[in-house]
Amino acid sequence: MKKIKVKLLRSVAGCKQGHRETVRGLGLKRINDVAELADTPEVRGMINRVNYLVRIEE
């Protein structure tokens, strides 16, 4: 299965609680953390929800 790397670029301080939980669900804890996840529609949806906080790494 294809994998994607997601990097947390901005702090979750001041964000909605649901967005904080989504970032945590992606496996990201602090700024510059990188998580390697399966490329599924569910993960893509989570990334789209918090797209202003994260970036997909190549």
PDB file of N, CA and C in Angstrom:
ATOM      1  N   MET A   1       0.836  -1.177   0.000  1.00  0.00           N
ATOM      2  CA  MET A   1       0.000   0.000   0.000  1.00  0.00           C
ATOM      3  C   MET A   1       0.887   1.250   0.000  1.00  0.00           C
ATOM      4  N   LYS A   2       0.439   2.259  -0.713  1.00  0.00           N
ATOM      5  CA  LYS A   2       1.191   3.493  -0.824  1.00  0.00           C
ATOM      6  C   LYS A   2       1.185   4.256   0.491  1.00  0.00           C
ATOM      7  N   LYS A   3       2.298   4.896   0.815  1.00  0.00           N
ATOM      8  CA  LYS A   3       2.448   5.673   2.050  1.00  0.00           C
ATOM      9  C   LYS A   3       2.647   7.143   1.709  1.00  0.00           C
ATOM     10  N   ILE A   4       2.217   8.003   2.619  1.00  0.00           N
ATOM     11  CA  ILE A   4       2.475   9.435   2.487  1.00  0.00           C
ATOM     12  C   ILE A   4       3.058   9.936   3.803  1.00  0.00           C
ATOM     13  N   LYS A   5       3.909  10.951   3.699  1.00  0.00           N
ATOM     14  CA  LYS A   5       4.500  11.572   4.887  1.00  0.00           C
ATOM     15  C   LYS A   5       3.804  12.907   5.111  1.00  0.00           C
ATOM     16  N   VAL A   6       3.409  13.131   6.354  1.00  0.00           N
ATOM     17  CA  VAL A   6       2.721  14.360   6.733  1.00  0.00           C
ATOM     18  C   VAL A   6       3.551  15.057   7.799  1.00  0.00           C
ATOM     19  N   LYS A   7       3.751  16.360   7.627  1.00  0.00           N
ATOM     20  CA  LYS A   7       4.563  17.143   8.561  1.00  0.00           C
ATOM     21  C   LYS A   7       3.703  18.244   9.172  1.00  0.00           C
ATOM     22  N   LEU A   8       3.790  18.395  10.494  1.00  0.00           N
ATOM     23  CA  LEU A   8       3.076  19.460  11.198  1.00  0.00           C
ATOM     24  C   LEU A   8       3.910  20.734  11.128  1.00  0.00           C
ATOM     25  N   LEU A   9       3.346  21.778  10.527  1.00  0.00           N
ATOM     26  CA  LEU A   9       4.077  23.028  10.321  1.00  0.00           C
ATOM     27  C   LEU A   9       3.734  24.109  11.334  1.00  0.00           C
ATOM     28  N   ARG A  10       2.499  24.118  11.817  1.00  0.00           N
ATOM     29  CA  ARG A  10       2.049  25.175  12.717  1.00  0.00           C
ATOM     30  C   ARG A  10       1.531  24.577  14.007  1.00  0.00           C
ATOM     31  N   SER A  11       1.526  25.368  15.050  1.00  0.00           N
ATOM     32  CA  SER A  11       1.044  24.937  16.351  1.00  0.00           C
ATOM     33  C   SER A  11      -0.468  24.778  16.338  1.00  0.00           C
ATOM     34  N   VAL A  12      -0.951  23.851  17.154  1.00  0.00           N
ATOM     35  CA  VAL A  12      -2.395  23.646  17.273  1.00  0.00           C
ATOM     36  C   VAL A  12      -2.999  24.537  18.361  1.00  0.00           C
ATOM     37  N   ALA A  13      -2.167  25.331  19.028  1.00  0.00           N
ATOM     38  CA  ALA A  13      -2.668  26.256  20.049  1.00  0.00           C
ATOM     39  C   ALA A  13      -3.601  27.264  19.388  1.00  0.00           C
ATOM     40  N   GLY A  14      -4.768  27.441  19.953  1.00  0.00           N
ATOM     41  CA  GLY A  14      -5.736  28.390  19.417  1.00  0.00           C
ATOM     42  C   GLY A  14      -6.638  27.799  18.351  1.00  0.00           C
ATOM     43  N   CYS A  15      -6.440  26.530  18.005  1.00  0.00           N
ATOM     44  CA  CYS A  15      -7.285  25.865  17.005  1.00  0.00           C
ATOM     45  C   CYS A  15      -8.494  25.244  17.688  1.00  0.00           C
ATOM     46  N   LYS A  16      -9.474  24.874  16.874  1.00  0.00           N
ATOM     47  CA  LYS A  16     -10.640  24.176  17.397  1.00  0.00           C
ATOM     48  C   LYS A  16     -10.223  22.836  17.979  1.00  0.00           C
ATOM     49  N   GLN A  17     -10.966  22.397  18.984  1.00  0.00           N
ATOM     50  CA  GLN A  17     -10.655  21.131  19.646  1.00  0.00           C
ATOM     51  C   GLN A  17     -10.679  19.973  18.648  1.00  0.00           C
ATOM     52  N   GLY A  18     -11.614  19.976  17.731  1.00  0.00           N
ATOM     53  CA  GLY A  18     -11.696  18.911  16.733  1.00  0.00           C
ATOM     54  C   GLY A  18     -10.477  18.862  15.836  1.00  0.00           C
ATOM     55  N   HIS A  19      -9.922  20.004  15.521  1.00  0.00           N
ATOM     56  CA  HIS A  19      -8.726  20.058  14.689  1.00  0.00           C
ATOM     57  C   HIS A  19      -7.512  19.556  15.463  1.00  0.00           C
ATOM     58  N   ARG A  20      -7.454  19.879  16.758  1.00  0.00           N
ATOM     59  CA  ARG A  20      -6.370  19.349  17.598  1.00  0.00           C
ATOM     60  C   ARG A  20      -6.420  17.831  17.640  1.00  0.00           C
ATOM     61  N   GLU A  21      -7.622  17.288  17.790  1.00  0.00           N
ATOM     62  CA  GLU A  21      -7.790  15.838  17.843  1.00  0.00           C
ATOM     63  C   GLU A  21      -7.434  15.186  16.515  1.00  0.00           C
ATOM     64  N   THR A  22      -7.741  15.854  15.420  1.00  0.00           N
ATOM     65  CA  THR A  22      -7.400  15.321  14.103  1.00  0.00           C
ATOM     66  C   THR A  22      -5.887  15.257  13.923  1.00  0.00           C
ATOM     67  N   VAL A  23      -5.193  16.311  14.328  1.00  0.00           N
ATOM     68  CA  VAL A  23      -3.723  16.325  14.243  1.00  0.00           C
ATOM     69  C   VAL A  23      -3.146  15.196  15.091  1.00  0.00           C
ATOM     70  N   ARG A  24      -3.673  15.016  16.287  1.00  0.00           N
ATOM     71  CA  ARG A  24      -3.218  13.941  17.173  1.00  0.00           C
ATOM     72  C   ARG A  24      -3.516  12.575  16.541  1.00  0.00           C
ATOM     73  N   GLY A  25      -4.664  12.461  15.889  1.00  0.00           N
ATOM     74  CA  GLY A  25      -5.035  11.219  15.213  1.00  0.00           C
ATOM     75  C   GLY A  25      -4.117  10.887  14.054  1.00  0.00           C
ATOM     76  N   LEU A  26      -3.516  11.901  13.461  1.00  0.00           N
ATOM     77  CA  LEU A  26      -2.541  11.677  12.393  1.00  0.00           C
ATOM     78  C   LEU A  26      -1.185  11.255  12.951  1.00  0.00           C
ATOM     79  N   GLY A  27      -1.043  11.294  14.275  1.00  0.00           N
ATOM     80  CA  GLY A  27       0.207  10.872  14.903  1.00  0.00           C
ATOM     81  C   GLY A  27       1.221  11.986  15.055  1.00  0.00           C
ATOM     82  N   LEU A  28       0.753  13.224  15.011  1.00  0.00           N
ATOM     83  CA  LEU A  28       1.643  14.381  15.120  1.00  0.00           C
ATOM     84  C   LEU A  28       1.483  15.016  16.495  1.00  0.00           C
ATOM     85  N   LYS A  29       2.602  15.309  17.153  1.00  0.00           N
ATOM     86  CA  LYS A  29       2.554  15.849  18.509  1.00  0.00           C
ATOM     87  C   LYS A  29       3.052  17.275  18.590  1.00  0.00           C
ATOM     88  N   ARG A  30       4.148  17.573  17.902  1.00  0.00           N
ATOM     89  CA  ARG A  30       4.727  18.910  18.003  1.00  0.00           C
ATOM     90  C   ARG A  30       5.159  19.388  16.618  1.00  0.00           C
ATOM     91  N   ILE A  31       5.486  20.660  16.526  1.00  0.00           N
ATOM     92  CA  ILE A  31       5.886  21.255  15.250  1.00  0.00           C
ATOM     93  C   ILE A  31       7.094  20.506  14.696  1.00  0.00           C
ATOM     94  N   ASN A  32       7.094  20.292  13.397  1.00  0.00           N
ATOM     95  CA  ASN A  32       8.125  19.588  12.630  1.00  0.00           C
ATOM     96  C   ASN A  32       8.093  18.078  12.808  1.00  0.00           C
ATOM     97  N   ASP A  33       7.107  17.543  13.509  1.00  0.00           N
ATOM     98  CA  ASP A  33       6.924  16.089  13.561  1.00  0.00           C
ATOM     99  C   ASP A  33       6.489  15.595  12.188  1.00  0.00           C
ATOM    100  N   VAL A  34       6.984  14.418  11.814  1.00  0.00           N
ATOM    101  CA  VAL A  34       6.611  13.801  10.547  1.00  0.00           C
ATOM    102  C   VAL A  34       6.045  12.423  10.837  1.00  0.00           C
ATOM    103  N   ALA A  35       4.915  12.116  10.216  1.00  0.00           N
ATOM    104  CA  ALA A  35       4.298  10.801  10.369  1.00  0.00           C
ATOM    105  C   ALA A  35       4.142  10.186   8.985  1.00  0.00           C
ATOM    106  N   GLU A  36       4.425   8.891   8.874  1.00  0.00           N
ATOM    107  CA  GLU A  36       4.245   8.164   7.626  1.00  0.00           C
ATOM    108  C   GLU A  36       2.973   7.337   7.755  1.00  0.00           C
ATOM    109  N   LEU A  37       1.997   7.629   6.903  1.00  0.00           N
ATOM    110  CA  LEU A  37       0.674   7.030   7.004  1.00  0.00           C
ATOM    111  C   LEU A  37       0.279   6.369   5.689  1.00  0.00           C
ATOM    112  N   ALA A  38      -0.649   5.426   5.781  1.00  0.00           N
ATOM    113  CA  ALA A  38      -1.196   4.790   4.585  1.00  0.00           C
ATOM    114  C   ALA A  38      -2.023   5.816   3.814  1.00  0.00           C
ATOM    115  N   ASP A  39      -1.933   5.776   2.497  1.00  0.00           N
ATOM    116  CA  ASP A  39      -2.667   6.720   1.650  1.00  0.00           C
ATOM    117  C   ASP A  39      -4.079   6.193   1.417  1.00  0.00           C
ATOM    118  N   THR A  40      -4.979   6.503   2.362  1.00  0.00           N
ATOM    119  CA  THR A  40      -6.371   6.067   2.267  1.00  0.00           C
ATOM    120  C   THR A  40      -7.275   7.296   2.203  1.00  0.00           C
ATOM    121  N   PRO A  41      -8.507   7.117   1.756  1.00  0.00           N
ATOM    122  CA  PRO A  41      -9.436   8.263   1.732  1.00  0.00           C
ATOM    123  C   PRO A  41      -9.667   8.860   3.119  1.00  0.00           C
ATOM    124  N   GLU A  42      -9.659   8.023   4.157  1.00  0.00           N
ATOM    125  CA  GLU A  42      -9.859   8.524   5.515  1.00  0.00           C
ATOM    126  C   GLU A  42      -8.723   9.437   5.938  1.00  0.00           C
ATOM    127  N   VAL A  43      -7.497   9.034   5.665  1.00  0.00           N
ATOM    128  CA  VAL A  43      -6.333   9.850   6.023  1.00  0.00           C
ATOM    129  C   VAL A  43      -6.315  11.128   5.197  1.00  0.00           C
ATOM    130  N   ARG A  44      -6.638  11.021   3.924  1.00  0.00           N
ATOM    131  CA  ARG A  44      -6.691  12.226   3.074  1.00  0.00           C
ATOM    132  C   ARG A  44      -7.731  13.220   3.598  1.00  0.00           C
ATOM    133  N   GLY A  45      -8.862  12.719   4.079  1.00  0.00           N
ATOM    134  CA  GLY A  45      -9.893  13.585   4.643  1.00  0.00           C
ATOM    135  C   GLY A  45      -9.409  14.296   5.886  1.00  0.00           C
ATOM    136  N   MET A  46      -8.662  13.571   6.725  1.00  0.00           N
ATOM    137  CA  MET A  46      -8.115  14.189   7.931  1.00  0.00           C
ATOM    138  C   MET A  46      -7.114  15.280   7.566  1.00  0.00           C
ATOM    139  N   ILE A  47      -6.285  15.006   6.557  1.00  0.00           N
ATOM    140  CA  ILE A  47      -5.297  15.999   6.110  1.00  0.00           C
ATOM    141  C   ILE A  47      -6.006  17.227   5.554  1.00  0.00           C
ATOM    142  N   ASN A  48      -7.054  17.020   4.767  1.00  0.00           N
ATOM    143  CA  ASN A  48      -7.798  18.149   4.199  1.00  0.00           C
ATOM    144  C   ASN A  48      -8.448  18.998   5.280  1.00  0.00           C
ATOM    145  N   ARG A  49      -8.867  18.361   6.370  1.00  0.00           N
ATOM    146  CA  ARG A  49      -9.515  19.083   7.460  1.00  0.00           C
ATOM    147  C   ARG A  49      -8.553  20.056   8.136  1.00  0.00           C
ATOM    148  N   VAL A  50      -7.299  19.678   8.252  1.00  0.00           N
ATOM    149  CA  VAL A  50      -6.304  20.522   8.930  1.00  0.00           C
ATOM    150  C   VAL A  50      -5.207  20.958   7.953  1.00  0.00           C
ATOM    151  N   ASN A  51      -5.598  21.219   6.698  1.00  0.00           N
ATOM    152  CA  ASN A  51      -4.606  21.535   5.662  1.00  0.00           C
ATOM    153  C   ASN A  51      -3.819  22.807   5.936  1.00  0.00           C
ATOM    154  N   TYR A  52      -4.320  23.685   6.790  1.00  0.00           N
ATOM    155  CA  TYR A  52      -3.600  24.922   7.128  1.00  0.00           C
ATOM    156  C   TYR A  52      -2.536  24.688   8.192  1.00  0.00           C
ATOM    157  N   LEU A  53      -2.477  23.471   8.763  1.00  0.00           N
ATOM    158  CA  LEU A  53      -1.495  23.157   9.793  1.00  0.00           C
ATOM    159  C   LEU A  53      -0.416  22.188   9.299  1.00  0.00           C
ATOM    160  N   VAL A  54      -0.717  21.409   8.276  1.00  0.00           N
ATOM    161  CA  VAL A  54       0.179  20.334   7.853  1.00  0.00           C
ATOM    162  C   VAL A  54       0.582  20.486   6.392  1.00  0.00           C
ATOM    163  N   ARG A  55       1.599  19.705   6.007  1.00  0.00           N
ATOM    164  CA  ARG A  55       2.036  19.647   4.614  1.00  0.00           C
ATOM    165  C   ARG A  55       2.388  18.196   4.307  1.00  0.00           C
ATOM    166  N   ILE A  56       2.095  17.781   3.081  1.00  0.00           N
ATOM    167  CA  ILE A  56       2.482  16.440   2.643  1.00  0.00           C
ATOM    168  C   ILE A  56       3.900  16.517   2.117  1.00  0.00           C
ATOM    169  N   GLU A  57       4.778  15.701   2.697  1.00  0.00           N
ATOM    170  CA  GLU A  57       6.181  15.656   2.309  1.00  0.00           C
ATOM    171  C   GLU A  57       6.351  14.677   1.145  1.00  0.00           C
ATOM    172  N   GLU A  58       7.249  14.977   0.263  1.00  0.00           N
ATOM    173  CA  GLU A  58       7.554  14.066  -0.864  1.00  0.00           C
ATOM    174  C   GLU A  58       8.717  13.190  -0.538  1.00  0.00           C
TER     175      GLU A  58
END
